[in-house]
N, C-alpha and C. Protein backbone atom coordinates (compact mmCIF):
# COMPACT_ATOMS: atom_id res chain seq x y z
N MET A 1 236.30 -49.57 90.86
CA MET A 1 237.26 -48.86 91.70
C MET A 1 236.72 -47.50 92.15
N PHE A 2 236.22 -46.71 91.20
CA PHE A 2 235.82 -45.36 91.55
C PHE A 2 234.40 -45.28 92.08
N HIS A 3 233.78 -46.46 92.33
CA HIS A 3 232.51 -46.45 93.04
C HIS A 3 232.69 -45.89 94.44
N ARG A 4 233.95 -45.92 94.95
CA ARG A 4 234.19 -45.37 96.27
C ARG A 4 233.91 -43.87 96.30
N CYS A 5 234.22 -43.19 95.20
CA CYS A 5 233.88 -41.77 95.11
C CYS A 5 232.38 -41.59 95.13
N LEU A 6 231.69 -42.45 94.38
CA LEU A 6 230.23 -42.35 94.31
C LEU A 6 229.59 -42.67 95.66
N GLU A 7 230.29 -43.45 96.48
CA GLU A 7 229.76 -43.80 97.79
C GLU A 7 230.01 -42.71 98.82
N GLY A 8 230.62 -41.61 98.40
CA GLY A 8 230.77 -40.47 99.29
C GLY A 8 232.14 -40.31 99.92
N LEU A 9 233.08 -41.19 99.61
CA LEU A 9 234.43 -41.02 100.13
C LEU A 9 235.10 -39.83 99.44
N SER A 10 235.87 -39.07 100.20
CA SER A 10 236.60 -37.96 99.60
C SER A 10 237.95 -38.40 99.06
N SER A 11 238.51 -39.48 99.63
CA SER A 11 239.79 -40.00 99.17
C SER A 11 239.94 -41.45 99.60
N PHE A 12 240.82 -42.17 98.90
CA PHE A 12 241.08 -43.56 99.26
C PHE A 12 242.40 -44.00 98.64
N PRO A 13 243.10 -44.98 99.27
CA PRO A 13 244.38 -45.47 98.74
C PRO A 13 244.17 -46.42 97.57
N VAL A 14 245.18 -46.48 96.70
CA VAL A 14 245.14 -47.39 95.56
C VAL A 14 246.54 -47.97 95.33
N SER A 15 246.58 -49.11 94.65
CA SER A 15 247.82 -49.69 94.15
C SER A 15 247.72 -49.73 92.63
N ILE A 16 248.73 -49.19 91.97
CA ILE A 16 248.67 -49.00 90.53
C ILE A 16 249.81 -49.78 89.87
N PRO A 17 249.51 -50.61 88.86
CA PRO A 17 250.59 -51.33 88.17
C PRO A 17 251.53 -50.37 87.45
N GLY A 18 252.81 -50.49 87.75
CA GLY A 18 253.82 -49.65 87.11
C GLY A 18 254.84 -50.48 86.38
N PRO A 19 255.76 -49.85 85.67
CA PRO A 19 256.75 -50.59 84.89
C PRO A 19 257.76 -51.35 85.75
N SER A 20 257.92 -50.96 87.03
CA SER A 20 258.85 -51.66 87.92
C SER A 20 258.12 -52.36 89.06
N GLY A 21 256.83 -52.54 88.92
CA GLY A 21 256.03 -53.17 89.97
C GLY A 21 254.88 -52.27 90.37
N MET A 22 254.34 -52.50 91.55
CA MET A 22 253.19 -51.73 92.00
C MET A 22 253.61 -50.36 92.53
N LEU A 23 252.77 -49.37 92.27
CA LEU A 23 252.98 -48.01 92.75
C LEU A 23 251.91 -47.67 93.77
N GLU A 24 252.35 -47.13 94.88
CA GLU A 24 251.43 -46.70 95.94
C GLU A 24 250.81 -45.35 95.57
N GLY A 25 249.50 -45.26 95.66
CA GLY A 25 248.84 -44.02 95.29
C GLY A 25 247.67 -43.67 96.17
N LYS A 26 247.13 -42.51 95.94
CA LYS A 26 245.94 -42.05 96.65
C LYS A 26 245.07 -41.26 95.69
N VAL A 27 243.78 -41.54 95.72
CA VAL A 27 242.81 -40.84 94.89
C VAL A 27 242.07 -39.81 95.73
N ASP A 28 242.01 -38.58 95.25
CA ASP A 28 241.15 -37.55 95.82
C ASP A 28 240.00 -37.34 94.86
N CYS A 29 238.79 -37.62 95.33
CA CYS A 29 237.61 -37.61 94.47
C CYS A 29 237.18 -36.19 94.11
N ALA A 30 236.64 -36.04 92.90
CA ALA A 30 236.06 -34.76 92.48
C ALA A 30 234.97 -34.35 93.45
N ALA A 31 235.01 -33.10 93.90
CA ALA A 31 234.14 -32.65 94.97
C ALA A 31 232.65 -32.79 94.64
N SER A 32 232.29 -32.56 93.37
CA SER A 32 230.88 -32.60 93.00
C SER A 32 230.36 -34.02 92.83
N GLY A 33 231.30 -34.98 92.74
CA GLY A 33 230.90 -36.35 92.45
C GLY A 33 230.75 -36.62 90.97
N GLU A 34 230.91 -35.58 90.17
CA GLU A 34 230.82 -35.70 88.71
C GLU A 34 232.09 -35.11 88.10
N PRO A 35 233.16 -35.88 88.01
CA PRO A 35 234.43 -35.34 87.53
C PRO A 35 234.37 -34.85 86.10
N ARG A 36 235.03 -33.72 85.87
CA ARG A 36 235.13 -33.20 84.51
C ARG A 36 236.53 -33.43 83.94
N GLY A 37 237.38 -34.10 84.73
CA GLY A 37 238.72 -34.39 84.26
C GLY A 37 239.47 -35.32 85.19
N ASN A 38 240.57 -35.85 84.69
CA ASN A 38 241.50 -36.65 85.47
C ASN A 38 242.75 -35.82 85.74
N ALA A 39 243.41 -36.05 86.86
CA ALA A 39 244.63 -35.32 87.17
C ALA A 39 245.64 -36.25 87.84
N VAL A 40 246.91 -36.09 87.47
CA VAL A 40 248.00 -36.87 88.06
C VAL A 40 249.05 -35.89 88.58
N ILE A 41 249.52 -36.12 89.81
CA ILE A 41 250.43 -35.20 90.48
C ILE A 41 251.75 -35.90 90.81
N CYS A 42 252.86 -35.25 90.49
CA CYS A 42 254.20 -35.81 90.72
C CYS A 42 254.88 -35.11 91.89
N HIS A 43 255.48 -35.89 92.77
CA HIS A 43 256.04 -35.35 94.01
C HIS A 43 257.52 -34.95 93.88
N PRO A 44 258.08 -34.29 94.91
CA PRO A 44 259.48 -33.85 94.87
C PRO A 44 260.48 -35.01 94.88
N HIS A 45 261.76 -34.65 94.89
CA HIS A 45 262.85 -35.60 94.68
C HIS A 45 262.85 -36.74 95.71
N PRO A 46 262.83 -37.98 95.24
CA PRO A 46 262.80 -39.14 96.14
C PRO A 46 264.00 -39.24 97.08
N LEU A 47 265.16 -38.78 96.64
CA LEU A 47 266.36 -38.92 97.45
C LEU A 47 266.48 -37.85 98.53
N TYR A 48 265.56 -36.89 98.52
CA TYR A 48 265.58 -35.81 99.52
C TYR A 48 264.27 -35.73 100.28
N GLY A 49 263.64 -36.89 100.44
CA GLY A 49 262.44 -36.96 101.26
C GLY A 49 261.13 -36.69 100.56
N GLY A 50 261.16 -36.55 99.25
CA GLY A 50 259.93 -36.27 98.51
C GLY A 50 258.99 -37.47 98.46
N THR A 51 257.72 -37.25 98.80
CA THR A 51 256.69 -38.30 98.73
C THR A 51 255.37 -37.66 98.32
N MET A 52 254.38 -38.51 98.09
CA MET A 52 253.06 -38.01 97.73
C MET A 52 252.37 -37.32 98.91
N GLN A 53 252.96 -37.44 100.12
CA GLN A 53 252.39 -36.79 101.30
C GLN A 53 252.90 -35.36 101.47
N ASN A 54 253.81 -34.92 100.62
CA ASN A 54 254.32 -33.56 100.69
C ASN A 54 253.16 -32.56 100.72
N LYS A 55 253.31 -31.51 101.51
CA LYS A 55 252.18 -30.59 101.71
C LYS A 55 251.82 -29.79 100.46
N VAL A 56 252.81 -29.52 99.60
CA VAL A 56 252.49 -28.85 98.33
C VAL A 56 251.72 -29.79 97.41
N VAL A 57 252.14 -31.05 97.35
CA VAL A 57 251.42 -32.06 96.58
C VAL A 57 250.01 -32.23 97.13
N HIS A 58 249.89 -32.26 98.45
CA HIS A 58 248.58 -32.37 99.09
C HIS A 58 247.69 -31.18 98.70
N THR A 59 248.26 -29.98 98.72
CA THR A 59 247.51 -28.78 98.34
C THR A 59 247.06 -28.85 96.89
N LEU A 60 247.93 -29.31 96.01
CA LEU A 60 247.56 -29.49 94.60
C LEU A 60 246.39 -30.45 94.47
N ALA A 61 246.46 -31.58 95.18
CA ALA A 61 245.40 -32.58 95.10
C ALA A 61 244.07 -32.00 95.55
N LYS A 62 244.07 -31.24 96.62
CA LYS A 62 242.84 -30.67 97.14
C LYS A 62 242.27 -29.61 96.19
N SER A 63 243.15 -28.84 95.58
CA SER A 63 242.69 -27.84 94.61
C SER A 63 242.07 -28.52 93.39
N LEU A 64 242.74 -29.53 92.88
CA LEU A 64 242.23 -30.25 91.71
C LEU A 64 240.90 -30.91 92.01
N ALA A 65 240.79 -31.57 93.17
CA ALA A 65 239.54 -32.23 93.53
C ALA A 65 238.42 -31.22 93.71
N ALA A 66 238.73 -30.08 94.33
CA ALA A 66 237.71 -29.04 94.54
C ALA A 66 237.20 -28.49 93.21
N ASN A 67 238.05 -28.58 92.18
CA ASN A 67 237.65 -28.11 90.86
C ASN A 67 237.24 -29.25 89.95
N ASP A 68 236.70 -30.29 90.58
CA ASP A 68 236.05 -31.41 89.89
C ASP A 68 236.97 -32.23 89.00
N GLN A 69 238.22 -32.37 89.45
CA GLN A 69 239.13 -33.32 88.83
C GLN A 69 239.29 -34.52 89.77
N THR A 70 239.34 -35.70 89.22
CA THR A 70 239.73 -36.87 90.02
C THR A 70 241.25 -36.86 90.08
N ALA A 71 241.80 -36.55 91.25
CA ALA A 71 243.24 -36.32 91.39
C ALA A 71 243.93 -37.55 91.97
N VAL A 72 244.96 -38.01 91.29
CA VAL A 72 245.76 -39.14 91.77
C VAL A 72 247.17 -38.66 92.05
N ARG A 73 247.61 -38.79 93.29
CA ARG A 73 249.02 -38.59 93.63
C ARG A 73 249.59 -39.97 93.93
N PHE A 74 250.87 -40.12 93.71
CA PHE A 74 251.45 -41.46 93.86
C PHE A 74 252.91 -41.34 94.24
N ASN A 75 253.45 -42.39 94.81
CA ASN A 75 254.87 -42.45 95.13
C ASN A 75 255.64 -43.06 93.96
N PHE A 76 256.67 -42.34 93.52
CA PHE A 76 257.54 -42.88 92.49
C PHE A 76 258.17 -44.20 92.94
N ARG A 77 258.70 -44.94 92.01
CA ARG A 77 259.41 -46.20 92.29
C ARG A 77 260.41 -46.01 93.45
N GLY A 78 260.38 -46.94 94.39
CA GLY A 78 261.32 -46.90 95.50
C GLY A 78 260.93 -45.99 96.65
N VAL A 79 259.80 -45.31 96.55
CA VAL A 79 259.34 -44.41 97.60
C VAL A 79 258.15 -45.04 98.31
N GLY A 80 258.11 -44.95 99.64
CA GLY A 80 257.02 -45.58 100.38
C GLY A 80 257.03 -47.07 100.14
N VAL A 81 255.88 -47.60 99.74
CA VAL A 81 255.81 -49.04 99.44
C VAL A 81 255.79 -49.30 97.93
N SER A 82 256.09 -48.28 97.12
CA SER A 82 256.18 -48.49 95.67
C SER A 82 257.41 -49.33 95.34
N ASP A 83 257.24 -50.27 94.44
CA ASP A 83 258.34 -51.14 94.03
C ASP A 83 259.36 -50.38 93.18
N GLY A 84 260.58 -50.94 93.12
CA GLY A 84 261.60 -50.40 92.24
C GLY A 84 262.59 -49.51 92.96
N ASN A 85 263.41 -48.82 92.17
CA ASN A 85 264.46 -47.95 92.70
C ASN A 85 264.51 -46.64 91.92
N TYR A 86 265.01 -45.61 92.57
CA TYR A 86 265.16 -44.30 91.94
C TYR A 86 265.90 -44.43 90.60
N ASP A 87 265.42 -43.67 89.59
CA ASP A 87 265.99 -43.82 88.24
C ASP A 87 266.28 -42.48 87.58
N GLU A 88 266.69 -41.49 88.38
CA GLU A 88 267.19 -40.22 87.87
C GLU A 88 266.21 -39.48 86.97
N GLY A 89 264.92 -39.69 87.20
CA GLY A 89 263.90 -38.99 86.44
C GLY A 89 263.44 -39.72 85.19
N ILE A 90 264.19 -40.72 84.76
CA ILE A 90 263.83 -41.45 83.54
C ILE A 90 262.71 -42.44 83.83
N GLY A 91 262.95 -43.35 84.76
CA GLY A 91 261.91 -44.31 85.14
C GLY A 91 260.71 -43.64 85.77
N GLU A 92 260.95 -42.50 86.43
CA GLU A 92 259.84 -41.78 87.06
C GLU A 92 258.86 -41.22 86.03
N VAL A 93 259.37 -40.87 84.85
CA VAL A 93 258.47 -40.47 83.76
C VAL A 93 257.61 -41.66 83.33
N ASP A 94 258.23 -42.83 83.24
CA ASP A 94 257.47 -44.04 82.89
C ASP A 94 256.42 -44.35 83.96
N ASP A 95 256.78 -44.14 85.23
CA ASP A 95 255.80 -44.32 86.31
C ASP A 95 254.61 -43.40 86.11
N THR A 96 254.90 -42.14 85.80
CA THR A 96 253.83 -41.15 85.62
C THR A 96 252.92 -41.52 84.47
N LEU A 97 253.49 -41.94 83.37
CA LEU A 97 252.69 -42.33 82.21
C LEU A 97 251.84 -43.56 82.52
N ALA A 98 252.38 -44.47 83.34
CA ALA A 98 251.60 -45.66 83.74
C ALA A 98 250.41 -45.25 84.59
N VAL A 99 250.60 -44.26 85.47
CA VAL A 99 249.49 -43.79 86.30
C VAL A 99 248.45 -43.08 85.44
N VAL A 100 248.90 -42.29 84.47
CA VAL A 100 247.96 -41.64 83.55
C VAL A 100 247.13 -42.69 82.81
N ASP A 101 247.80 -43.71 82.28
CA ASP A 101 247.08 -44.77 81.55
C ASP A 101 246.08 -45.47 82.46
N TRP A 102 246.50 -45.78 83.67
CA TRP A 102 245.62 -46.46 84.63
C TRP A 102 244.39 -45.60 84.94
N LEU A 103 244.61 -44.33 85.21
CA LEU A 103 243.49 -43.45 85.54
C LEU A 103 242.53 -43.31 84.37
N CYS A 104 243.09 -43.22 83.17
CA CYS A 104 242.22 -43.08 81.99
C CYS A 104 241.46 -44.36 81.69
N GLU A 105 241.99 -45.50 82.12
CA GLU A 105 241.23 -46.76 82.01
C GLU A 105 240.06 -46.77 82.99
N GLN A 106 240.27 -46.19 84.16
CA GLN A 106 239.21 -46.14 85.17
C GLN A 106 238.11 -45.15 84.77
N GLN A 107 238.53 -44.04 84.21
CA GLN A 107 237.59 -42.98 83.80
C GLN A 107 237.97 -42.52 82.40
N ALA A 108 237.43 -43.20 81.42
CA ALA A 108 237.78 -42.93 80.03
C ALA A 108 237.14 -41.64 79.54
N ASP A 109 237.73 -41.09 78.49
CA ASP A 109 237.17 -39.95 77.76
C ASP A 109 237.11 -38.68 78.58
N LEU A 110 238.00 -38.55 79.56
CA LEU A 110 238.11 -37.31 80.31
C LEU A 110 239.49 -36.71 80.06
N PRO A 111 239.58 -35.37 79.96
CA PRO A 111 240.88 -34.74 79.76
C PRO A 111 241.77 -34.93 80.99
N VAL A 112 243.08 -34.85 80.77
CA VAL A 112 244.05 -35.09 81.84
C VAL A 112 244.82 -33.81 82.16
N VAL A 113 244.83 -33.46 83.44
CA VAL A 113 245.69 -32.39 83.94
C VAL A 113 246.91 -33.05 84.59
N LEU A 114 248.09 -32.55 84.24
CA LEU A 114 249.33 -33.08 84.80
C LEU A 114 249.94 -32.00 85.67
N ALA A 115 250.41 -32.39 86.87
CA ALA A 115 250.96 -31.41 87.79
C ALA A 115 252.19 -31.98 88.49
N GLY A 116 253.09 -31.09 88.93
CA GLY A 116 254.27 -31.55 89.65
C GLY A 116 254.91 -30.43 90.44
N PHE A 117 255.58 -30.81 91.52
CA PHE A 117 256.28 -29.87 92.38
C PHE A 117 257.77 -30.21 92.43
N SER A 118 258.61 -29.20 92.18
CA SER A 118 260.06 -29.35 92.24
C SER A 118 260.52 -30.43 91.25
N PHE A 119 261.21 -31.47 91.70
CA PHE A 119 261.59 -32.58 90.83
C PHE A 119 260.37 -33.10 90.06
N GLY A 120 259.24 -33.11 90.70
CA GLY A 120 258.01 -33.55 90.05
C GLY A 120 257.62 -32.68 88.87
N SER A 121 258.03 -31.40 88.88
CA SER A 121 257.79 -30.53 87.73
C SER A 121 258.56 -31.01 86.51
N TYR A 122 259.81 -31.39 86.75
CA TYR A 122 260.64 -31.91 85.66
C TYR A 122 260.04 -33.19 85.09
N VAL A 123 259.61 -34.08 85.97
CA VAL A 123 259.00 -35.34 85.52
C VAL A 123 257.71 -35.05 84.76
N ALA A 124 256.89 -34.15 85.28
CA ALA A 124 255.62 -33.82 84.62
C ALA A 124 255.85 -33.24 83.24
N LEU A 125 256.85 -32.36 83.11
CA LEU A 125 257.15 -31.77 81.81
C LEU A 125 257.63 -32.82 80.81
N ARG A 126 258.47 -33.74 81.27
CA ARG A 126 258.93 -34.82 80.38
C ARG A 126 257.77 -35.73 79.99
N ALA A 127 256.88 -36.00 80.93
CA ALA A 127 255.72 -36.83 80.62
C ALA A 127 254.78 -36.12 79.65
N ALA A 128 254.65 -34.81 79.81
CA ALA A 128 253.76 -34.04 78.92
C ALA A 128 254.25 -34.07 77.48
N ALA A 129 255.55 -34.27 77.28
CA ALA A 129 256.09 -34.37 75.93
C ALA A 129 255.72 -35.69 75.27
N LYS A 130 255.26 -36.66 76.07
CA LYS A 130 254.92 -37.99 75.56
C LYS A 130 253.45 -38.10 75.16
N PHE A 131 252.63 -37.22 75.71
CA PHE A 131 251.21 -37.20 75.34
C PHE A 131 250.73 -35.76 75.49
N GLN A 132 249.49 -35.49 75.16
CA GLN A 132 248.99 -34.12 75.19
C GLN A 132 248.02 -33.93 76.36
N PRO A 133 248.50 -33.45 77.50
CA PRO A 133 247.59 -33.18 78.60
C PRO A 133 246.68 -31.99 78.27
N ALA A 134 245.57 -31.90 78.98
CA ALA A 134 244.66 -30.78 78.78
C ALA A 134 245.20 -29.52 79.43
N ALA A 135 246.02 -29.69 80.47
CA ALA A 135 246.61 -28.56 81.17
C ALA A 135 247.79 -29.07 81.98
N LEU A 136 248.68 -28.14 82.35
CA LEU A 136 249.89 -28.50 83.09
C LEU A 136 250.11 -27.47 84.19
N ILE A 137 250.46 -27.97 85.38
CA ILE A 137 250.83 -27.10 86.49
C ILE A 137 252.22 -27.52 86.99
N THR A 138 253.17 -26.59 86.97
CA THR A 138 254.50 -26.88 87.48
C THR A 138 254.83 -25.87 88.57
N ILE A 139 255.33 -26.38 89.70
CA ILE A 139 255.64 -25.54 90.84
C ILE A 139 257.13 -25.67 91.18
N ALA A 140 257.83 -24.54 91.22
CA ALA A 140 259.25 -24.49 91.56
C ALA A 140 260.09 -25.49 90.76
N PRO A 141 260.08 -25.37 89.43
CA PRO A 141 260.86 -26.31 88.61
C PRO A 141 262.36 -26.10 88.79
N PRO A 142 263.13 -27.14 89.08
CA PRO A 142 264.57 -27.00 89.35
C PRO A 142 265.38 -26.93 88.06
N VAL A 143 265.33 -25.79 87.39
CA VAL A 143 265.86 -25.68 86.03
C VAL A 143 267.38 -25.80 85.96
N ARG A 144 268.08 -25.53 87.06
CA ARG A 144 269.54 -25.66 87.04
C ARG A 144 270.00 -27.09 87.36
N MET A 145 269.12 -27.90 87.87
CA MET A 145 269.50 -29.23 88.33
C MET A 145 269.24 -30.31 87.30
N PHE A 146 268.36 -30.03 86.35
CA PHE A 146 268.01 -31.00 85.32
C PHE A 146 267.99 -30.32 83.96
N ASP A 147 267.94 -31.12 82.90
CA ASP A 147 268.03 -30.59 81.54
C ASP A 147 266.67 -30.11 81.06
N PHE A 148 266.32 -28.90 81.46
CA PHE A 148 265.06 -28.31 81.01
C PHE A 148 265.18 -27.74 79.61
N ALA A 149 266.39 -27.39 79.20
CA ALA A 149 266.58 -26.74 77.89
C ALA A 149 266.14 -27.63 76.74
N SER A 150 266.23 -28.95 76.90
CA SER A 150 265.89 -29.86 75.81
C SER A 150 264.41 -30.23 75.77
N LEU A 151 263.64 -29.75 76.75
CA LEU A 151 262.23 -30.11 76.79
C LEU A 151 261.47 -29.43 75.67
N GLN A 152 260.50 -30.13 75.13
CA GLN A 152 259.73 -29.60 74.02
C GLN A 152 258.73 -28.55 74.49
N SER A 153 258.27 -27.74 73.54
CA SER A 153 257.27 -26.73 73.86
C SER A 153 255.96 -27.39 74.30
N ILE A 154 255.28 -26.73 75.20
CA ILE A 154 254.01 -27.21 75.71
C ILE A 154 252.88 -26.43 75.04
N ASP A 155 251.94 -27.14 74.45
CA ASP A 155 250.86 -26.48 73.71
C ASP A 155 249.63 -26.21 74.55
N CYS A 156 249.49 -26.90 75.67
CA CYS A 156 248.27 -26.76 76.48
C CYS A 156 248.39 -25.58 77.44
N PRO A 157 247.27 -25.16 78.05
CA PRO A 157 247.35 -24.16 79.12
C PRO A 157 248.32 -24.63 80.20
N TRP A 158 249.22 -23.73 80.62
CA TRP A 158 250.31 -24.13 81.52
C TRP A 158 250.53 -23.05 82.57
N LEU A 159 250.43 -23.46 83.81
CA LEU A 159 250.68 -22.57 84.94
C LEU A 159 252.00 -22.93 85.60
N LEU A 160 252.85 -21.92 85.81
CA LEU A 160 254.11 -22.12 86.53
C LEU A 160 254.10 -21.20 87.74
N ILE A 161 254.28 -21.77 88.93
CA ILE A 161 254.28 -21.00 90.17
C ILE A 161 255.67 -21.06 90.79
N GLN A 162 256.18 -19.90 91.19
CA GLN A 162 257.53 -19.83 91.75
C GLN A 162 257.55 -18.84 92.93
N GLY A 163 258.20 -19.24 94.01
CA GLY A 163 258.39 -18.34 95.13
C GLY A 163 259.60 -17.45 94.90
N ASP A 164 259.52 -16.18 95.33
CA ASP A 164 260.64 -15.27 95.08
C ASP A 164 261.75 -15.38 96.12
N GLU A 165 261.54 -16.17 97.18
CA GLU A 165 262.58 -16.40 98.18
C GLU A 165 262.93 -17.89 98.27
N ASP A 166 262.81 -18.56 97.14
CA ASP A 166 263.11 -20.00 97.07
C ASP A 166 264.60 -20.22 97.30
N GLU A 167 264.93 -21.01 98.32
CA GLU A 167 266.32 -21.26 98.67
C GLU A 167 266.90 -22.46 97.92
N VAL A 168 266.07 -23.17 97.17
CA VAL A 168 266.51 -24.35 96.41
C VAL A 168 266.56 -24.04 94.91
N VAL A 169 265.51 -23.42 94.42
CA VAL A 169 265.41 -23.09 93.00
C VAL A 169 265.53 -21.57 92.84
N ASP A 170 266.56 -21.13 92.14
CA ASP A 170 266.80 -19.70 91.95
C ASP A 170 265.73 -19.11 91.03
N ILE A 171 265.05 -18.09 91.51
CA ILE A 171 263.96 -17.50 90.74
C ILE A 171 264.46 -16.92 89.42
N ASN A 172 265.66 -16.35 89.41
CA ASN A 172 266.18 -15.76 88.17
C ASN A 172 266.40 -16.81 87.10
N SER A 173 266.84 -18.00 87.50
CA SER A 173 267.04 -19.06 86.53
C SER A 173 265.72 -19.51 85.93
N VAL A 174 264.67 -19.51 86.74
CA VAL A 174 263.34 -19.88 86.25
C VAL A 174 262.83 -18.83 85.26
N VAL A 175 262.93 -17.56 85.64
CA VAL A 175 262.46 -16.47 84.77
C VAL A 175 263.23 -16.46 83.46
N ASN A 176 264.54 -16.63 83.54
CA ASN A 176 265.35 -16.63 82.31
C ASN A 176 265.00 -17.81 81.41
N TRP A 177 264.74 -18.97 82.01
CA TRP A 177 264.33 -20.14 81.21
C TRP A 177 262.99 -19.89 80.53
N VAL A 178 262.05 -19.33 81.26
CA VAL A 178 260.73 -19.04 80.70
C VAL A 178 260.85 -18.12 79.49
N ARG A 179 261.76 -17.18 79.56
CA ARG A 179 261.94 -16.22 78.46
C ARG A 179 262.45 -16.89 77.18
N THR A 180 263.05 -18.05 77.30
CA THR A 180 263.56 -18.75 76.12
C THR A 180 262.48 -19.57 75.41
N LEU A 181 261.33 -19.74 76.03
CA LEU A 181 260.30 -20.63 75.50
C LEU A 181 259.45 -19.94 74.44
N LYS A 182 259.16 -20.66 73.38
CA LYS A 182 258.29 -20.12 72.32
C LYS A 182 256.86 -19.95 72.81
N LYS A 183 256.44 -20.88 73.65
CA LYS A 183 255.09 -20.81 74.23
C LYS A 183 255.22 -20.84 75.75
N PRO A 184 255.52 -19.69 76.34
CA PRO A 184 255.78 -19.65 77.78
C PRO A 184 254.51 -19.89 78.60
N PRO A 185 254.70 -20.35 79.83
CA PRO A 185 253.55 -20.58 80.70
C PRO A 185 253.02 -19.29 81.31
N GLN A 186 251.88 -19.38 81.94
CA GLN A 186 251.41 -18.31 82.81
C GLN A 186 252.28 -18.37 84.07
N LEU A 187 253.12 -17.37 84.27
CA LEU A 187 254.06 -17.36 85.38
C LEU A 187 253.50 -16.55 86.54
N GLU A 188 253.34 -17.20 87.68
CA GLU A 188 252.85 -16.53 88.88
C GLU A 188 253.93 -16.60 89.96
N ILE A 189 254.38 -15.45 90.41
CA ILE A 189 255.41 -15.37 91.44
C ILE A 189 254.76 -15.01 92.77
N ILE A 190 255.02 -15.82 93.79
CA ILE A 190 254.47 -15.57 95.12
C ILE A 190 255.54 -14.90 95.97
N ASN A 191 255.24 -13.72 96.45
CA ASN A 191 256.20 -12.93 97.21
C ASN A 191 256.41 -13.49 98.61
N GLY A 192 257.67 -13.41 99.07
CA GLY A 192 257.99 -13.86 100.42
C GLY A 192 257.87 -15.35 100.60
N CYS A 193 258.03 -16.09 99.50
CA CYS A 193 257.74 -17.53 99.52
C CYS A 193 259.00 -18.36 99.35
N SER A 194 259.21 -19.33 100.25
CA SER A 194 260.34 -20.25 100.19
C SER A 194 260.00 -21.45 99.30
N HIS A 195 260.96 -22.36 99.16
CA HIS A 195 260.76 -23.51 98.28
C HIS A 195 259.57 -24.37 98.69
N PHE A 196 259.40 -24.55 100.00
CA PHE A 196 258.34 -25.43 100.46
C PHE A 196 257.06 -24.70 100.84
N PHE A 197 256.97 -23.43 100.45
CA PHE A 197 255.74 -22.65 100.58
C PHE A 197 255.24 -22.55 102.03
N HIS A 198 256.21 -22.43 102.96
CA HIS A 198 255.84 -22.27 104.37
C HIS A 198 255.00 -21.00 104.53
N GLY A 199 253.83 -21.14 105.11
CA GLY A 199 252.94 -20.01 105.32
C GLY A 199 252.30 -19.45 104.07
N LYS A 200 252.49 -20.13 102.94
CA LYS A 200 251.97 -19.63 101.66
C LYS A 200 251.06 -20.64 100.96
N LEU A 201 250.66 -21.69 101.66
CA LEU A 201 249.86 -22.72 101.00
C LEU A 201 248.47 -22.21 100.60
N ILE A 202 247.91 -21.31 101.38
CA ILE A 202 246.60 -20.76 101.03
C ILE A 202 246.70 -19.94 99.75
N GLU A 203 247.77 -19.16 99.63
CA GLU A 203 247.98 -18.38 98.41
C GLU A 203 248.25 -19.29 97.22
N LEU A 204 249.04 -20.34 97.45
CA LEU A 204 249.29 -21.33 96.40
C LEU A 204 247.99 -21.94 95.92
N ARG A 205 247.16 -22.33 96.86
CA ARG A 205 245.86 -22.95 96.53
C ARG A 205 245.00 -21.98 95.73
N SER A 206 245.00 -20.71 96.10
CA SER A 206 244.19 -19.72 95.39
C SER A 206 244.64 -19.56 93.95
N VAL A 207 245.96 -19.53 93.71
CA VAL A 207 246.48 -19.40 92.34
C VAL A 207 246.08 -20.61 91.50
N CYS A 208 246.20 -21.80 92.09
CA CYS A 208 245.82 -23.03 91.38
C CYS A 208 244.32 -23.03 91.08
N ASP A 209 243.51 -22.65 92.05
CA ASP A 209 242.06 -22.62 91.86
C ASP A 209 241.68 -21.68 90.71
N ASP A 210 242.28 -20.49 90.69
CA ASP A 210 241.96 -19.52 89.64
C ASP A 210 242.29 -20.08 88.25
N PHE A 211 243.42 -20.76 88.14
CA PHE A 211 243.82 -21.36 86.86
C PHE A 211 242.86 -22.45 86.44
N LEU A 212 242.54 -23.34 87.38
CA LEU A 212 241.68 -24.48 87.06
C LEU A 212 240.25 -24.07 86.72
N GLN A 213 239.78 -23.02 87.34
CA GLN A 213 238.42 -22.56 87.07
C GLN A 213 238.25 -22.01 85.66
N LYS A 214 239.35 -21.67 85.03
CA LYS A 214 239.29 -21.11 83.67
C LYS A 214 239.43 -22.18 82.57
N LEU A 215 239.69 -23.42 82.98
CA LEU A 215 239.84 -24.50 81.99
C LEU A 215 238.50 -24.87 81.37
């Protein structure tokens, strides 16, 4: 499968076996051709137009690939051509874990970075509680919309990025939640930034790059 990366492709589509059928995905190859890790990215809420083509998810994939991670973004069950139906974040965690397992079968013995945007942050955090990723990136986690209080502490390096003008996720709720954590993430606040990072994708990419370069 990953001979396509070795053949010089920067990205290619994949179909991944999931718990509710096949999941539509895309691989972004490690820029150097010699990956030092695997990465899985979770997209925003399926019922509000979230897909793996979201521009924040796209930016995450490009940052991860540029930092020599083999990055896989995928559509949750019921999104795009992925089989199944929306499952309120529960089945989506199972989808994420299936993609992690699949990627690790393709490229064994590499650490895994888990990332997510908005609803995808919640899914990534729940998935991280099921196994130990090497690092975690969460962007604009919707802490008032889902049960973040019950999530377990994260032991790995963890980056949380939040816009200060987010019209969907209240920045104060995010900051207050972070303060309750025994092992809080590296919190980076982007000024003048809305939920979808309009005009701020370059800054978002820079923050992600700086974090990944230190792993």
